[in-house]
Amino acid sequence: MSDLVLHLIRHGRSEWNAAERIQGHSNSDLTALGRQQAAAAGRALTRFPLAALYASDLDRAQQTATEIQTAVGLSIQTDARLRETGFGVFEGLTWPQVEAQDPEAYRALRGQDHTFVVPGGESRAQTLERSLDAFDEYTRRHPGQHVAAVTHGGLMAFFLRYVLGMPFDGPSTFKTENGNISTFVRKGDRWKLLTWGATAHLHGLSAGA
């Protein structure tokens, strides 16, 4: 099977990102800066011969994809498998609030226990499983092509761990900036990392611009 080049884009900065609230499956609109980040990502993606544009069904991803669509001229194909991990009862809270409410769950989540299922939500292992299912489907649909997918920081971070063969548990040592573009290539039945967290296209943006 021919290689698939997959460009993952984290949505632009949202209102809940700015407030440092846990989003999960809850919706939060992009800030003005977030829309700038999304537009900049779209311009950066024009250098690739994209065959398709996918996006999580959550509002912040859809708004990001709409900005990208303007630049690349592709219709948005919505895929709920690209959603962030569902944080259930903790959505809308800050991390200090979670720690005060449920210290055991806080330790599991901040320690990146990938099997811990959030009450009313899901585990990071479940998030990874559905993302792999989506990416396998894209590989079958688009052999030898470039595909862009607008998704979320947690999903991207755990896919990176999977690709690099890193342990799934333990605190993260890498960042997933809003609006970053991370590129992977499918080689046979394996994924390889080409570029992680590219943000050069975001330089010069500011919340007051």
C-alpha atoms as a PDB file:
ATOM      1  CA  MET A   1       0.000   0.000   0.000  1.00  0.00           C
ATOM      2  CA  SER A   2       1.301   3.451  -0.905  1.00  0.00           C
ATOM      3  CA  ASP A   3       2.330   5.799   1.871  1.00  0.00           C
ATOM      4  CA  LEU A   4      -0.209   8.158   3.436  1.00  0.00           C
ATOM      5  CA  VAL A   5       1.043  11.500   4.752  1.00  0.00           C
ATOM      6  CA  LEU A   6      -1.124  12.622   7.663  1.00  0.00           C
ATOM      7  CA  HIS A   7      -1.014  16.222   8.893  1.00  0.00           C
ATOM      8  CA  LEU A   8      -2.604  16.579  12.328  1.00  0.00           C
ATOM      9  CA  ILE A   9      -3.582  20.086  13.384  1.00  0.00           C
ATOM     10  CA  ARG A  10      -4.496  21.014  16.926  1.00  0.00           C
ATOM     11  CA  HIS A  11      -7.452  23.398  17.003  1.00  0.00           C
ATOM     12  CA  GLY A  12      -6.814  27.078  17.671  1.00  0.00           C
ATOM     13  CA  ARG A  13      -6.888  28.537  21.162  1.00  0.00           C
ATOM     14  CA  SER A  14     -10.366  28.339  22.659  1.00  0.00           C
ATOM     15  CA  GLU A  15     -12.078  30.308  25.384  1.00  0.00           C
ATOM     16  CA  TRP A  16     -11.678  27.389  27.786  1.00  0.00           C
ATOM     17  CA  ASN A  17      -8.006  27.047  26.852  1.00  0.00           C
ATOM     18  CA  ALA A  18      -7.587  30.667  27.866  1.00  0.00           C
ATOM     19  CA  ALA A  19      -9.447  30.014  31.135  1.00  0.00           C
ATOM     20  CA  GLU A  20      -7.442  26.800  31.714  1.00  0.00           C
ATOM     21  CA  ARG A  21     -10.622  24.743  31.955  1.00  0.00           C
ATOM     22  CA  ILE A  22     -10.837  21.074  31.005  1.00  0.00           C
ATOM     23  CA  GLN A  23     -12.738  20.757  27.735  1.00  0.00           C
ATOM     24  CA  GLY A  24     -12.988  17.110  26.734  1.00  0.00           C
ATOM     25  CA  HIS A  25     -16.189  16.639  24.734  1.00  0.00           C
ATOM     26  CA  SER A  26     -17.635  19.991  25.827  1.00  0.00           C
ATOM     27  CA  ASN A  27     -17.784  22.859  23.365  1.00  0.00           C
ATOM     28  CA  SER A  28     -15.884  26.127  23.588  1.00  0.00           C
ATOM     29  CA  ASP A  29     -15.528  28.719  20.834  1.00  0.00           C
ATOM     30  CA  LEU A  30     -12.207  29.888  19.469  1.00  0.00           C
ATOM     31  CA  THR A  31     -10.800  33.151  20.749  1.00  0.00           C
ATOM     32  CA  ALA A  32      -9.688  35.863  18.340  1.00  0.00           C
ATOM     33  CA  LEU A  33      -6.156  34.487  18.624  1.00  0.00           C
ATOM     34  CA  GLY A  34      -7.462  30.983  17.994  1.00  0.00           C
ATOM     35  CA  ARG A  35      -9.025  32.064  14.714  1.00  0.00           C
ATOM     36  CA  GLN A  36      -5.731  33.676  13.688  1.00  0.00           C
ATOM     37  CA  GLN A  37      -3.910  30.438  14.509  1.00  0.00           C
ATOM     38  CA  ALA A  38      -6.388  28.434  12.467  1.00  0.00           C
ATOM     39  CA  ALA A  39      -6.079  30.758   9.481  1.00  0.00           C
ATOM     40  CA  ALA A  40      -2.289  30.623   9.723  1.00  0.00           C
ATOM     41  CA  ALA A  41      -2.377  26.828   9.797  1.00  0.00           C
ATOM     42  CA  GLY A  42      -4.525  26.892   6.688  1.00  0.00           C
ATOM     43  CA  ARG A  43      -2.010  29.045   4.842  1.00  0.00           C
ATOM     44  CA  ALA A  44       0.814  26.734   5.931  1.00  0.00           C
ATOM     45  CA  LEU A  45      -1.066  23.684   4.654  1.00  0.00           C
ATOM     46  CA  THR A  46      -1.392  25.089   1.149  1.00  0.00           C
ATOM     47  CA  ARG A  47       2.149  23.907   0.383  1.00  0.00           C
ATOM     48  CA  PHE A  48       0.943  20.303   0.541  1.00  0.00           C
ATOM     49  CA  PRO A  49      -1.170  18.589  -2.150  1.00  0.00           C
ATOM     50  CA  LEU A  50      -4.005  17.798   0.237  1.00  0.00           C
ATOM     51  CA  ALA A  51      -6.604  15.278  -0.902  1.00  0.00           C
ATOM     52  CA  ALA A  52      -8.958  15.601   2.083  1.00  0.00           C
ATOM     53  CA  LEU A  53      -9.697  17.674   5.174  1.00  0.00           C
ATOM     54  CA  TYR A  54     -11.101  15.903   8.226  1.00  0.00           C
ATOM     55  CA  ALA A  55     -12.113  17.436  11.555  1.00  0.00           C
ATOM     56  CA  SER A  56     -13.418  16.467  14.954  1.00  0.00           C
ATOM     57  CA  ASP A  57     -17.097  17.279  15.399  1.00  0.00           C
ATOM     58  CA  LEU A  58     -16.453  19.550  18.402  1.00  0.00           C
ATOM     59  CA  ASP A  59     -17.010  23.270  17.835  1.00  0.00           C
ATOM     60  CA  ARG A  60     -13.417  24.394  18.364  1.00  0.00           C
ATOM     61  CA  ALA A  61     -12.201  21.878  15.775  1.00  0.00           C
ATOM     62  CA  GLN A  62     -14.969  22.730  13.319  1.00  0.00           C
ATOM     63  CA  GLN A  63     -14.211  26.448  13.612  1.00  0.00           C
ATOM     64  CA  THR A  64     -10.529  25.725  13.024  1.00  0.00           C
ATOM     65  CA  ALA A  65     -11.335  23.553  10.012  1.00  0.00           C
ATOM     66  CA  THR A  66     -13.528  26.294   8.557  1.00  0.00           C
ATOM     67  CA  GLU A  67     -10.578  28.698   8.590  1.00  0.00           C
ATOM     68  CA  ILE A  68      -8.359  26.031   7.009  1.00  0.00           C
ATOM     69  CA  GLN A  69     -11.006  25.270   4.398  1.00  0.00           C
ATOM     70  CA  THR A  70     -10.865  28.869   3.220  1.00  0.00           C
ATOM     71  CA  ALA A  71      -7.183  28.425   2.397  1.00  0.00           C
ATOM     72  CA  VAL A  72      -7.098  24.895   0.984  1.00  0.00           C
ATOM     73  CA  GLY A  73     -10.468  24.780  -0.766  1.00  0.00           C
ATOM     74  CA  LEU A  74     -11.556  21.333   0.464  1.00  0.00           C
ATOM     75  CA  SER A  75     -14.849  20.351   2.024  1.00  0.00           C
ATOM     76  CA  ILE A  76     -14.760  19.437   5.718  1.00  0.00           C
ATOM     77  CA  GLN A  77     -15.390  15.778   6.481  1.00  0.00           C
ATOM     78  CA  THR A  78     -16.504  15.522  10.114  1.00  0.00           C
ATOM     79  CA  ASP A  79     -15.256  12.543  12.125  1.00  0.00           C
ATOM     80  CA  ALA A  80     -16.199  12.133  15.805  1.00  0.00           C
ATOM     81  CA  ARG A  81     -13.307   9.678  16.239  1.00  0.00           C
ATOM     82  CA  LEU A  82     -10.995  12.732  16.200  1.00  0.00           C
ATOM     83  CA  ARG A  83     -12.511  14.070  19.431  1.00  0.00           C
ATOM     84  CA  GLU A  84     -10.504  14.853  22.537  1.00  0.00           C
ATOM     85  CA  THR A  85     -10.662  12.400  25.443  1.00  0.00           C
ATOM     86  CA  GLY A  86     -13.989  12.686  27.231  1.00  0.00           C
ATOM     87  CA  PHE A  87     -13.352  14.022  30.742  1.00  0.00           C
ATOM     88  CA  GLY A  88     -16.910  13.418  31.939  1.00  0.00           C
ATOM     89  CA  VAL A  89     -17.725  14.984  35.304  1.00  0.00           C
ATOM     90  CA  PHE A  90     -14.541  17.085  35.237  1.00  0.00           C
ATOM     91  CA  GLU A  91     -15.319  19.029  32.079  1.00  0.00           C
ATOM     92  CA  GLY A  92     -15.520  22.746  32.732  1.00  0.00           C
ATOM     93  CA  LEU A  93     -13.340  22.517  35.848  1.00  0.00           C
ATOM     94  CA  THR A  94      -9.751  23.632  36.311  1.00  0.00           C
ATOM     95  CA  TRP A  95      -7.103  21.122  37.373  1.00  0.00           C
ATOM     96  CA  PRO A  96      -6.907  22.584  40.917  1.00  0.00           C
ATOM     97  CA  GLN A  97     -10.668  22.092  41.203  1.00  0.00           C
ATOM     98  CA  VAL A  98     -10.339  18.459  40.103  1.00  0.00           C
ATOM     99  CA  GLU A  99      -7.587  17.900  42.670  1.00  0.00           C
ATOM    100  CA  ALA A 100      -9.788  19.304  45.433  1.00  0.00           C
ATOM    101  CA  GLN A 101     -12.832  17.321  44.315  1.00  0.00           C
ATOM    102  CA  ASP A 102     -11.198  13.948  43.601  1.00  0.00           C
ATOM    103  CA  PRO A 103      -7.484  13.647  44.524  1.00  0.00           C
ATOM    104  CA  GLU A 104      -7.260  10.026  43.372  1.00  0.00           C
ATOM    105  CA  ALA A 105      -8.635  10.809  39.924  1.00  0.00           C
ATOM    106  CA  TYR A 106      -6.396  13.879  39.734  1.00  0.00           C
ATOM    107  CA  ARG A 107      -3.291  11.771  40.380  1.00  0.00           C
ATOM    108  CA  ALA A 108      -4.347   9.239  37.745  1.00  0.00           C
ATOM    109  CA  LEU A 109      -5.021  11.893  35.118  1.00  0.00           C
ATOM    110  CA  ARG A 110      -1.978  14.062  35.754  1.00  0.00           C
ATOM    111  CA  GLY A 111       0.187  10.953  35.858  1.00  0.00           C
ATOM    112  CA  GLN A 112      -1.177  10.032  32.421  1.00  0.00           C
ATOM    113  CA  ASP A 113      -2.639   6.679  33.548  1.00  0.00           C
ATOM    114  CA  HIS A 114      -3.907   5.742  30.113  1.00  0.00           C
ATOM    115  CA  THR A 115      -6.326   3.076  31.385  1.00  0.00           C
ATOM    116  CA  PHE A 116      -8.105   5.314  33.913  1.00  0.00           C
ATOM    117  CA  VAL A 117     -11.713   5.866  32.868  1.00  0.00           C
ATOM    118  CA  VAL A 118     -13.002   9.261  33.927  1.00  0.00           C
ATOM    119  CA  PRO A 119     -16.440   9.085  35.598  1.00  0.00           C
ATOM    120  CA  GLY A 120     -18.898   9.823  32.819  1.00  0.00           C
ATOM    121  CA  GLY A 121     -16.066   9.924  30.278  1.00  0.00           C
ATOM    122  CA  GLU A 122     -13.444   7.620  28.813  1.00  0.00           C
ATOM    123  CA  SER A 123      -9.801   6.592  29.119  1.00  0.00           C
ATOM    124  CA  ARG A 124      -6.935   7.821  26.996  1.00  0.00           C
ATOM    125  CA  ALA A 125      -6.540   4.241  25.767  1.00  0.00           C
ATOM    126  CA  GLN A 126     -10.045   4.462  24.317  1.00  0.00           C
ATOM    127  CA  THR A 127      -9.169   7.776  22.686  1.00  0.00           C
ATOM    128  CA  LEU A 128      -6.108   6.223  21.055  1.00  0.00           C
ATOM    129  CA  GLU A 129      -8.071   3.196  19.882  1.00  0.00           C
ATOM    130  CA  ARG A 130     -10.673   5.252  18.047  1.00  0.00           C
ATOM    131  CA  SER A 131      -8.038   7.531  16.537  1.00  0.00           C
ATOM    132  CA  LEU A 132      -6.116   4.541  15.177  1.00  0.00           C
ATOM    133  CA  ASP A 133      -9.341   3.245  13.656  1.00  0.00           C
ATOM    134  CA  ALA A 134      -9.853   6.588  11.914  1.00  0.00           C
ATOM    135  CA  PHE A 135      -6.267   6.782  10.658  1.00  0.00           C
ATOM    136  CA  ASP A 136      -6.399   3.227   9.317  1.00  0.00           C
ATOM    137  CA  GLU A 137      -9.509   4.191   7.377  1.00  0.00           C
ATOM    138  CA  TYR A 138      -7.799   7.281   5.947  1.00  0.00           C
ATOM    139  CA  THR A 139      -4.902   5.070   4.843  1.00  0.00           C
ATOM    140  CA  ARG A 140      -7.286   2.854   2.892  1.00  0.00           C
ATOM    141  CA  ARG A 141      -9.145   5.811   1.405  1.00  0.00           C
ATOM    142  CA  HIS A 142      -6.128   7.914   0.413  1.00  0.00           C
ATOM    143  CA  PRO A 143      -3.160   5.743  -0.596  1.00  0.00           C
ATOM    144  CA  GLY A 144      -0.192   7.850  -1.675  1.00  0.00           C
ATOM    145  CA  GLN A 145      -1.918  11.106  -0.733  1.00  0.00           C
ATOM    146  CA  HIS A 146      -1.709  13.897   1.839  1.00  0.00           C
ATOM    147  CA  VAL A 147      -4.565  14.289   4.323  1.00  0.00           C
ATOM    148  CA  ALA A 148      -5.169  16.970   6.973  1.00  0.00           C
ATOM    149  CA  ALA A 149      -7.099  16.266  10.179  1.00  0.00           C
ATOM    150  CA  VAL A 150      -8.073  18.864  12.777  1.00  0.00           C
ATOM    151  CA  THR A 151      -8.051  17.299  16.209  1.00  0.00           C
ATOM    152  CA  HIS A 152      -7.047  17.876  19.842  1.00  0.00           C
ATOM    153  CA  GLY A 153      -3.913  18.021  21.953  1.00  0.00           C
ATOM    154  CA  GLY A 154      -4.527  14.927  24.054  1.00  0.00           C
ATOM    155  CA  LEU A 155      -5.238  12.733  21.066  1.00  0.00           C
ATOM    156  CA  MET A 156      -2.139  14.003  19.273  1.00  0.00           C
ATOM    157  CA  ALA A 157       0.062  13.406  22.324  1.00  0.00           C
ATOM    158  CA  PHE A 158      -1.044   9.810  22.747  1.00  0.00           C
ATOM    159  CA  PHE A 159      -0.754   9.072  19.037  1.00  0.00           C
ATOM    160  CA  LEU A 160       2.820  10.396  19.223  1.00  0.00           C
ATOM    161  CA  ARG A 161       3.595   8.036  22.107  1.00  0.00           C
ATOM    162  CA  TYR A 162       2.148   5.164  20.093  1.00  0.00           C
ATOM    163  CA  VAL A 163       4.175   5.991  16.979  1.00  0.00           C
ATOM    164  CA  LEU A 164       7.443   6.400  18.903  1.00  0.00           C
ATOM    165  CA  GLY A 165       6.885   3.345  21.072  1.00  0.00           C
ATOM    166  CA  MET A 166       6.978   5.439  24.241  1.00  0.00           C
ATOM    167  CA  PRO A 167       5.351   4.368  27.523  1.00  0.00           C
ATOM    168  CA  PHE A 168       1.743   5.508  27.662  1.00  0.00           C
ATOM    169  CA  ASP A 169       1.880   6.360  31.357  1.00  0.00           C
ATOM    170  CA  GLY A 170       3.836   9.169  32.995  1.00  0.00           C
ATOM    171  CA  PRO A 171       3.805  12.964  32.652  1.00  0.00           C
ATOM    172  CA  SER A 172       4.180  14.410  29.178  1.00  0.00           C
ATOM    173  CA  THR A 173       7.567  15.809  28.199  1.00  0.00           C
ATOM    174  CA  PHE A 174       6.427  17.500  24.991  1.00  0.00           C
ATOM    175  CA  LYS A 175       4.003  20.281  24.118  1.00  0.00           C
ATOM    176  CA  THR A 176       1.080  20.459  21.720  1.00  0.00           C
ATOM    177  CA  GLU A 177       0.597  24.145  21.009  1.00  0.00           C
ATOM    178  CA  ASN A 178      -2.710  25.407  19.679  1.00  0.00           C
ATOM    179  CA  GLY A 179      -2.587  25.594  15.895  1.00  0.00           C
ATOM    180  CA  ASN A 180       0.495  23.389  15.550  1.00  0.00           C
ATOM    181  CA  ILE A 181       0.909  21.014  12.611  1.00  0.00           C
ATOM    182  CA  SER A 182       2.387  17.572  13.257  1.00  0.00           C
ATOM    183  CA  THR A 183       3.078  15.282  10.314  1.00  0.00           C
ATOM    184  CA  PHE A 184       3.223  11.494  10.190  1.00  0.00           C
ATOM    185  CA  VAL A 185       3.675   9.035   7.334  1.00  0.00           C
ATOM    186  CA  ARG A 186       2.295   5.515   7.059  1.00  0.00           C
ATOM    187  CA  LYS A 187       5.012   3.052   5.995  1.00  0.00           C
ATOM    188  CA  GLY A 188       3.459  -0.339   5.335  1.00  0.00           C
ATOM    189  CA  ASP A 189       1.661  -1.241   8.554  1.00  0.00           C
ATOM    190  CA  ARG A 190       3.578   1.250  10.710  1.00  0.00           C
ATOM    191  CA  TRP A 191       3.515   4.978  11.328  1.00  0.00           C
ATOM    192  CA  LYS A 192       6.591   7.211  11.374  1.00  0.00           C
ATOM    193  CA  LEU A 193       6.950  10.758  12.660  1.00  0.00           C
ATOM    194  CA  LEU A 194       8.095  13.370  10.149  1.00  0.00           C
ATOM    195  CA  THR A 195       7.539  16.630  12.070  1.00  0.00           C
ATOM    196  CA  TRP A 196       6.224  17.260  15.570  1.00  0.00           C
ATOM    197  CA  GLY A 197       4.575  20.478  16.709  1.00  0.00           C
ATOM    198  CA  ALA A 198       5.512  22.811  13.855  1.00  0.00           C
ATOM    199  CA  THR A 199       4.609  26.389  14.829  1.00  0.00           C
ATOM    200  CA  ALA A 200       6.688  28.626  12.536  1.00  0.00           C
ATOM    201  CA  HIS A 201       3.460  29.676  10.805  1.00  0.00           C
ATOM    202  CA  LEU A 202       2.191  31.061  14.121  1.00  0.00           C
ATOM    203  CA  HIS A 203       5.063  33.470  14.748  1.00  0.00           C
ATOM    204  CA  GLY A 204       3.988  37.062  15.095  1.00  0.00           C
ATOM    205  CA  LEU A 205       0.406  36.338  16.136  1.00  0.00           C
ATOM    206  CA  SER A 206      -0.932  37.972  19.266  1.00  0.00           C
ATOM    207  CA  ALA A 207      -4.220  38.088  21.159  1.00  0.00           C
ATOM    208  CA  GLY A 208      -4.490  41.813  20.562  1.00  0.00           C
ATOM    209  CA  ALA A 209      -3.829  41.687  16.821  1.00  0.00           C
END
